[in-house]
Structures are given as C-alpha cells and as structure tokens.
Amino acid sequence: MSKFYFLLFFLGLGITACQTKEVNENLLYGHWQLKEGFRNNNSEPSKMLEGIYFNIEKPTAVSTNFSGIEENGQFGLEKDKFTIETSRTTKFKIKNLSEKELELATIIRGIPFRFILEKE
C-alpha cells in the first residue's frame, strides 16, 4: 500500500511541474520597447534587434515592428502563450511579466530568440 501512495505522490508532483503558469493579462497592455534582444542563444545582445517594440491594446489589438516593418494585427493569450497575427502568425512564450518588464521567447526558422522589453 505504501508503494501506491509513493507512486501517487510522484505522479502528482510531475503533473504539477508540467503545468504552465497563468499570466495577468492586465499587465500585458501598454507600449513595450526592446531593452535587450538575443538571437541563437548568444549571451551578448544582438544589435540587429534594436528598436523592436510591441504596442498591446485592449481587447486584442497589437502594433509592432517585430518583422522589420510596422504592422497592425491581433493577439491571443492562452496561459503563458502569446500569439501575434499580422502578415504572419508568431507564437511566443511569456517567460516573465511584471509591471515594468516583459520577457518573450520564440523560435523563427529554427533560430531561438529572446526579447527583454520594458514598459514605457
């Protein structure tokens, strides 16, 4: 019987560890300017990413120059998954979100990107 409880404990622990966290959507709204951007898991920020911004408005509007040109579109949020739909769809994972900082991660054409943005 004790083996059953032991197994049940570790199964519950594993399920809890795999869950994604909820994001406070109200913290997401506003103008976010890139503080640092990283490409291909480099430890040094990439200069080619400088100037990127996201302007996120209620209920689901977004404007950004993330793709190299200024675009307007829609966004979706599901737990810690942030999806932008402009001329193409880009999916991000929200790694960190506070009143002043937003950290996003994505993979584009097989290359990992990480963006640390600050709210203006």
N, C-alpha and C. Protein backbone atom coordinates (compact mmCIF):
# COMPACT_ATOMS: atom_id res chain seq x y z
N MET A 1 0.81 -1.19 0.00
CA MET A 1 0.00 0.00 0.00
C MET A 1 0.86 1.26 0.00
N SER A 2 2.00 1.24 0.69
CA SER A 2 2.84 2.43 0.76
C SER A 2 3.47 2.73 -0.61
N LYS A 3 3.70 1.69 -1.41
CA LYS A 3 4.22 1.91 -2.76
C LYS A 3 3.21 2.68 -3.61
N PHE A 4 1.93 2.39 -3.41
CA PHE A 4 0.88 3.09 -4.14
C PHE A 4 0.89 4.58 -3.82
N TYR A 5 0.97 4.93 -2.54
CA TYR A 5 0.99 6.35 -2.14
C TYR A 5 2.27 7.03 -2.62
N PHE A 6 3.36 6.32 -2.58
CA PHE A 6 4.63 6.85 -3.06
C PHE A 6 4.54 7.17 -4.56
N LEU A 7 4.00 6.26 -5.34
CA LEU A 7 3.81 6.46 -6.77
C LEU A 7 2.83 7.60 -7.04
N LEU A 8 1.76 7.64 -6.31
CA LEU A 8 0.76 8.70 -6.45
C LEU A 8 1.36 10.08 -6.15
N PHE A 9 2.20 10.16 -5.14
CA PHE A 9 2.86 11.42 -4.77
C PHE A 9 3.73 11.92 -5.93
N PHE A 10 4.57 11.06 -6.50
CA PHE A 10 5.46 11.48 -7.58
C PHE A 10 4.71 11.76 -8.88
N LEU A 11 3.62 11.05 -9.11
CA LEU A 11 2.80 11.33 -10.28
C LEU A 11 2.18 12.73 -10.16
N GLY A 12 1.67 13.06 -8.99
CA GLY A 12 1.11 14.39 -8.74
C GLY A 12 2.16 15.48 -8.85
N LEU A 13 3.35 15.21 -8.35
CA LEU A 13 4.46 16.16 -8.44
C LEU A 13 4.84 16.41 -9.89
N GLY A 14 4.87 15.37 -10.70
CA GLY A 14 5.20 15.51 -12.12
C GLY A 14 4.15 16.30 -12.88
N ILE A 15 2.89 16.08 -12.59
CA ILE A 15 1.82 16.82 -13.26
C ILE A 15 1.89 18.30 -12.89
N THR A 16 2.15 18.60 -11.63
CA THR A 16 2.25 19.99 -11.19
C THR A 16 3.42 20.69 -11.87
N ALA A 17 4.53 20.03 -12.04
CA ALA A 17 5.72 20.64 -12.65
C ALA A 17 5.51 20.93 -14.13
N CYS A 18 4.65 20.20 -14.80
CA CYS A 18 4.44 20.38 -16.23
C CYS A 18 3.41 21.46 -16.56
N GLN A 19 2.70 21.97 -15.57
CA GLN A 19 1.67 22.95 -15.84
C GLN A 19 2.29 24.30 -16.20
N THR A 20 1.64 25.02 -17.11
CA THR A 20 2.09 26.36 -17.46
C THR A 20 1.42 27.35 -16.54
N LYS A 21 2.07 28.48 -16.35
CA LYS A 21 1.51 29.46 -15.43
C LYS A 21 0.57 30.41 -16.13
N GLU A 22 -0.40 30.90 -15.38
CA GLU A 22 -1.32 31.91 -15.89
C GLU A 22 -0.61 33.25 -15.89
N VAL A 23 -0.95 34.11 -16.85
CA VAL A 23 -0.37 35.43 -16.97
C VAL A 23 -1.45 36.46 -16.65
N ASN A 24 -1.09 37.48 -15.90
CA ASN A 24 -2.01 38.57 -15.61
C ASN A 24 -2.14 39.43 -16.86
N GLU A 25 -3.22 39.25 -17.60
CA GLU A 25 -3.41 39.92 -18.89
C GLU A 25 -3.35 41.44 -18.77
N ASN A 26 -3.80 42.00 -17.66
CA ASN A 26 -3.79 43.45 -17.49
C ASN A 26 -2.39 44.03 -17.49
N LEU A 27 -1.41 43.25 -17.05
CA LEU A 27 -0.02 43.73 -17.08
C LEU A 27 0.53 43.79 -18.50
N LEU A 28 -0.07 43.06 -19.41
CA LEU A 28 0.42 42.97 -20.77
C LEU A 28 0.14 44.23 -21.59
N TYR A 29 -0.94 44.95 -21.27
CA TYR A 29 -1.33 46.10 -22.06
C TYR A 29 -0.37 47.27 -21.88
N GLY A 30 -0.02 47.91 -23.01
CA GLY A 30 0.86 49.07 -22.98
C GLY A 30 1.86 49.03 -24.11
N HIS A 31 2.79 49.98 -24.06
CA HIS A 31 3.85 50.08 -25.08
C HIS A 31 5.13 49.48 -24.49
N TRP A 32 5.63 48.46 -25.17
CA TRP A 32 6.83 47.74 -24.73
C TRP A 32 7.96 48.00 -25.72
N GLN A 33 9.08 48.47 -25.22
CA GLN A 33 10.25 48.78 -26.05
C GLN A 33 11.37 47.79 -25.71
N LEU A 34 12.08 47.32 -26.73
CA LEU A 34 13.14 46.34 -26.51
C LEU A 34 14.26 46.94 -25.66
N LYS A 35 14.61 46.23 -24.62
CA LYS A 35 15.75 46.58 -23.77
C LYS A 35 16.97 45.79 -24.23
N GLU A 36 16.76 44.46 -24.40
CA GLU A 36 17.81 43.58 -24.91
C GLU A 36 17.15 42.48 -25.73
N GLY A 37 17.79 42.12 -26.83
CA GLY A 37 17.31 41.03 -27.67
C GLY A 37 18.43 40.05 -27.95
N PHE A 38 18.14 38.79 -27.84
CA PHE A 38 19.16 37.75 -28.02
C PHE A 38 18.74 36.82 -29.13
N ARG A 39 19.71 36.43 -29.94
CA ARG A 39 19.47 35.56 -31.09
C ARG A 39 20.37 34.34 -30.98
N ASN A 40 19.82 33.18 -31.25
CA ASN A 40 20.58 31.94 -31.32
C ASN A 40 21.30 31.60 -30.01
N ASN A 41 20.64 31.87 -28.88
CA ASN A 41 21.16 31.56 -27.54
C ASN A 41 22.49 32.25 -27.21
N ASN A 42 22.81 33.35 -27.89
CA ASN A 42 24.02 34.09 -27.57
C ASN A 42 23.86 34.80 -26.24
N SER A 43 24.97 34.99 -25.53
CA SER A 43 24.92 35.71 -24.26
C SER A 43 25.01 37.22 -24.45
N GLU A 44 25.48 37.65 -25.62
CA GLU A 44 25.56 39.08 -25.94
C GLU A 44 24.31 39.50 -26.71
N PRO A 45 23.73 40.65 -26.36
CA PRO A 45 22.55 41.13 -27.09
C PRO A 45 22.87 41.36 -28.58
N SER A 46 21.88 41.11 -29.43
CA SER A 46 22.03 41.29 -30.87
C SER A 46 21.67 42.72 -31.25
N LYS A 47 22.57 43.39 -31.94
CA LYS A 47 22.33 44.77 -32.39
C LYS A 47 21.25 44.81 -33.48
N MET A 48 21.07 43.74 -34.24
CA MET A 48 20.08 43.75 -35.32
C MET A 48 18.65 43.80 -34.81
N LEU A 49 18.44 43.54 -33.52
CA LEU A 49 17.10 43.55 -32.95
C LEU A 49 16.75 44.90 -32.32
N GLU A 50 17.68 45.82 -32.26
CA GLU A 50 17.44 47.11 -31.62
C GLU A 50 16.26 47.84 -32.25
N GLY A 51 15.46 48.49 -31.42
CA GLY A 51 14.34 49.28 -31.90
C GLY A 51 13.02 48.55 -31.97
N ILE A 52 13.00 47.26 -31.66
CA ILE A 52 11.76 46.50 -31.71
C ILE A 52 10.81 46.98 -30.61
N TYR A 53 9.54 47.06 -30.96
CA TYR A 53 8.53 47.41 -29.97
C TYR A 53 7.26 46.61 -30.21
N PHE A 54 6.45 46.52 -29.17
CA PHE A 54 5.11 45.94 -29.22
C PHE A 54 4.18 46.92 -28.51
N ASN A 55 3.13 47.34 -29.16
CA ASN A 55 2.11 48.16 -28.53
C ASN A 55 0.86 47.30 -28.43
N ILE A 56 0.50 46.92 -27.21
CA ILE A 56 -0.57 45.96 -26.97
C ILE A 56 -1.74 46.70 -26.33
N GLU A 57 -2.91 46.63 -26.99
CA GLU A 57 -4.08 47.37 -26.54
C GLU A 57 -5.27 46.44 -26.36
N LYS A 58 -6.21 46.86 -25.50
CA LYS A 58 -7.45 46.10 -25.29
C LYS A 58 -8.33 46.24 -26.51
N PRO A 59 -9.14 45.29 -26.88
CA PRO A 59 -9.17 43.97 -26.27
C PRO A 59 -8.11 43.04 -26.83
N THR A 60 -7.79 43.13 -28.15
CA THR A 60 -6.79 42.21 -28.72
C THR A 60 -5.94 42.87 -29.81
N ALA A 61 -5.81 44.18 -29.79
CA ALA A 61 -5.06 44.88 -30.85
C ALA A 61 -3.58 44.93 -30.50
N VAL A 62 -2.76 44.81 -31.53
CA VAL A 62 -1.32 44.93 -31.36
C VAL A 62 -0.73 45.63 -32.58
N SER A 63 0.25 46.49 -32.33
CA SER A 63 1.06 47.06 -33.41
C SER A 63 2.51 46.80 -33.03
N THR A 64 3.31 46.47 -34.04
CA THR A 64 4.69 46.09 -33.78
C THR A 64 5.53 46.28 -35.03
N ASN A 65 6.83 46.40 -34.84
CA ASN A 65 7.77 46.40 -35.95
C ASN A 65 8.67 45.17 -35.86
N PHE A 66 8.19 44.17 -35.16
CA PHE A 66 8.93 42.94 -34.91
C PHE A 66 9.42 42.27 -36.20
N SER A 67 8.64 42.32 -37.26
CA SER A 67 9.01 41.63 -38.51
C SER A 67 9.89 42.48 -39.41
N GLY A 68 10.25 43.69 -38.95
CA GLY A 68 11.09 44.56 -39.78
C GLY A 68 10.32 45.71 -40.39
N ILE A 69 9.00 45.58 -40.40
CA ILE A 69 8.14 46.68 -40.87
C ILE A 69 7.05 46.91 -39.83
N GLU A 70 6.51 48.11 -39.81
CA GLU A 70 5.44 48.41 -38.86
C GLU A 70 4.15 47.75 -39.33
N GLU A 71 3.52 46.97 -38.43
CA GLU A 71 2.30 46.24 -38.77
C GLU A 71 1.30 46.33 -37.63
N ASN A 72 0.03 46.26 -37.99
CA ASN A 72 -1.06 46.18 -37.03
C ASN A 72 -1.70 44.80 -37.15
N GLY A 73 -2.17 44.30 -36.04
CA GLY A 73 -2.82 42.99 -36.07
C GLY A 73 -3.55 42.71 -34.79
N GLN A 74 -3.72 41.44 -34.52
CA GLN A 74 -4.43 40.96 -33.34
C GLN A 74 -3.50 40.06 -32.54
N PHE A 75 -3.79 39.92 -31.27
CA PHE A 75 -3.03 38.98 -30.46
C PHE A 75 -3.98 38.07 -29.70
N GLY A 76 -3.45 36.94 -29.30
CA GLY A 76 -4.17 35.99 -28.47
C GLY A 76 -3.31 35.61 -27.29
N LEU A 77 -3.93 35.28 -26.19
CA LEU A 77 -3.22 34.90 -24.98
C LEU A 77 -3.88 33.68 -24.38
N GLU A 78 -3.11 32.64 -24.18
CA GLU A 78 -3.60 31.43 -23.53
C GLU A 78 -2.53 30.96 -22.55
N LYS A 79 -2.83 31.17 -21.26
CA LYS A 79 -1.87 30.92 -20.17
C LYS A 79 -0.61 31.73 -20.44
N ASP A 80 0.53 31.09 -20.70
CA ASP A 80 1.77 31.84 -20.96
C ASP A 80 2.14 31.85 -22.45
N LYS A 81 1.20 31.53 -23.31
CA LYS A 81 1.41 31.55 -24.76
C LYS A 81 0.81 32.82 -25.34
N PHE A 82 1.64 33.61 -26.02
CA PHE A 82 1.25 34.89 -26.59
C PHE A 82 1.41 34.77 -28.10
N THR A 83 0.33 34.93 -28.85
CA THR A 83 0.36 34.76 -30.31
C THR A 83 -0.02 36.08 -30.97
N ILE A 84 0.81 36.49 -31.94
CA ILE A 84 0.55 37.70 -32.71
C ILE A 84 0.20 37.30 -34.13
N GLU A 85 -0.88 37.87 -34.64
CA GLU A 85 -1.29 37.63 -36.02
C GLU A 85 -1.25 38.95 -36.78
N THR A 86 -0.23 39.10 -37.62
CA THR A 86 -0.11 40.26 -38.52
C THR A 86 -0.07 39.67 -39.92
N SER A 87 0.94 40.00 -40.71
CA SER A 87 1.05 39.37 -42.03
C SER A 87 1.42 37.89 -41.90
N ARG A 88 1.88 37.51 -40.73
CA ARG A 88 2.15 36.10 -40.41
C ARG A 88 1.84 35.89 -38.94
N THR A 89 1.75 34.65 -38.54
CA THR A 89 1.48 34.31 -37.14
C THR A 89 2.79 33.97 -36.45
N THR A 90 3.01 34.60 -35.29
CA THR A 90 4.20 34.33 -34.50
C THR A 90 3.76 33.97 -33.09
N LYS A 91 4.27 32.86 -32.59
CA LYS A 91 3.93 32.39 -31.25
C LYS A 91 5.11 32.62 -30.31
N PHE A 92 4.81 33.20 -29.15
CA PHE A 92 5.81 33.47 -28.13
C PHE A 92 5.44 32.77 -26.84
N LYS A 93 6.44 32.50 -26.04
CA LYS A 93 6.22 32.04 -24.67
C LYS A 93 6.59 33.22 -23.78
N ILE A 94 5.69 33.57 -22.86
CA ILE A 94 5.98 34.63 -21.90
C ILE A 94 6.79 34.00 -20.77
N LYS A 95 8.06 34.38 -20.70
CA LYS A 95 8.96 33.85 -19.68
C LYS A 95 8.83 34.62 -18.37
N ASN A 96 8.56 35.93 -18.50
CA ASN A 96 8.45 36.79 -17.32
C ASN A 96 7.57 37.98 -17.69
N LEU A 97 6.71 38.38 -16.76
CA LEU A 97 5.88 39.56 -16.96
C LEU A 97 5.67 40.25 -15.62
N SER A 98 6.05 41.52 -15.57
CA SER A 98 5.81 42.35 -14.39
C SER A 98 5.27 43.68 -14.88
N GLU A 99 5.07 44.61 -13.97
CA GLU A 99 4.56 45.92 -14.36
C GLU A 99 5.53 46.66 -15.27
N LYS A 100 6.82 46.35 -15.18
CA LYS A 100 7.83 47.10 -15.93
C LYS A 100 8.59 46.29 -16.97
N GLU A 101 8.52 44.96 -16.89
CA GLU A 101 9.34 44.15 -17.79
C GLU A 101 8.55 42.96 -18.34
N LEU A 102 8.82 42.67 -19.62
CA LEU A 102 8.22 41.55 -20.33
C LEU A 102 9.33 40.78 -21.03
N GLU A 103 9.39 39.49 -20.79
CA GLU A 103 10.38 38.65 -21.47
C GLU A 103 9.65 37.63 -22.32
N LEU A 104 9.96 37.64 -23.62
CA LEU A 104 9.34 36.73 -24.59
C LEU A 104 10.40 35.84 -25.22
N ALA A 105 10.02 34.63 -25.56
CA ALA A 105 10.89 33.71 -26.28
C ALA A 105 10.12 33.12 -27.44
N THR A 106 10.81 32.92 -28.56
CA THR A 106 10.19 32.30 -29.73
C THR A 106 11.27 31.62 -30.56
N ILE A 107 10.84 30.84 -31.52
CA ILE A 107 11.76 30.23 -32.49
C ILE A 107 11.26 30.61 -33.87
N ILE A 108 12.15 31.20 -34.67
CA ILE A 108 11.82 31.62 -36.03
C ILE A 108 12.80 30.96 -36.98
N ARG A 109 12.26 30.18 -37.90
CA ARG A 109 13.08 29.44 -38.88
C ARG A 109 14.19 28.64 -38.20
N GLY A 110 13.83 28.04 -37.08
CA GLY A 110 14.77 27.18 -36.36
C GLY A 110 15.75 27.92 -35.46
N ILE A 111 15.66 29.23 -35.38
CA ILE A 111 16.59 30.02 -34.57
C ILE A 111 15.85 30.56 -33.35
N PRO A 112 16.36 30.28 -32.14
CA PRO A 112 15.71 30.80 -30.94
C PRO A 112 16.01 32.29 -30.74
N PHE A 113 14.98 33.02 -30.31
CA PHE A 113 15.08 34.43 -30.00
C PHE A 113 14.53 34.65 -28.60
N ARG A 114 15.12 35.61 -27.90
CA ARG A 114 14.62 36.01 -26.59
C ARG A 114 14.63 37.53 -26.53
N PHE A 115 13.52 38.12 -26.11
CA PHE A 115 13.36 39.56 -26.06
C PHE A 115 13.06 39.98 -24.62
N ILE A 116 13.81 40.94 -24.13
CA ILE A 116 13.52 41.56 -22.84
C ILE A 116 13.08 42.98 -23.15
N LEU A 117 11.82 43.26 -22.83
CA LEU A 117 11.23 44.56 -23.15
C LEU A 117 10.87 45.30 -21.87
N GLU A 118 10.89 46.63 -21.94
CA GLU A 118 10.46 47.41 -20.80
C GLU A 118 9.30 48.30 -21.20
N LYS A 119 8.40 48.49 -20.23
CA LYS A 119 7.20 49.28 -20.49
C LYS A 119 7.53 50.76 -20.44
N GLU A 120 7.01 51.49 -21.43
CA GLU A 120 7.22 52.93 -21.46
C GLU A 120 6.00 53.66 -20.98
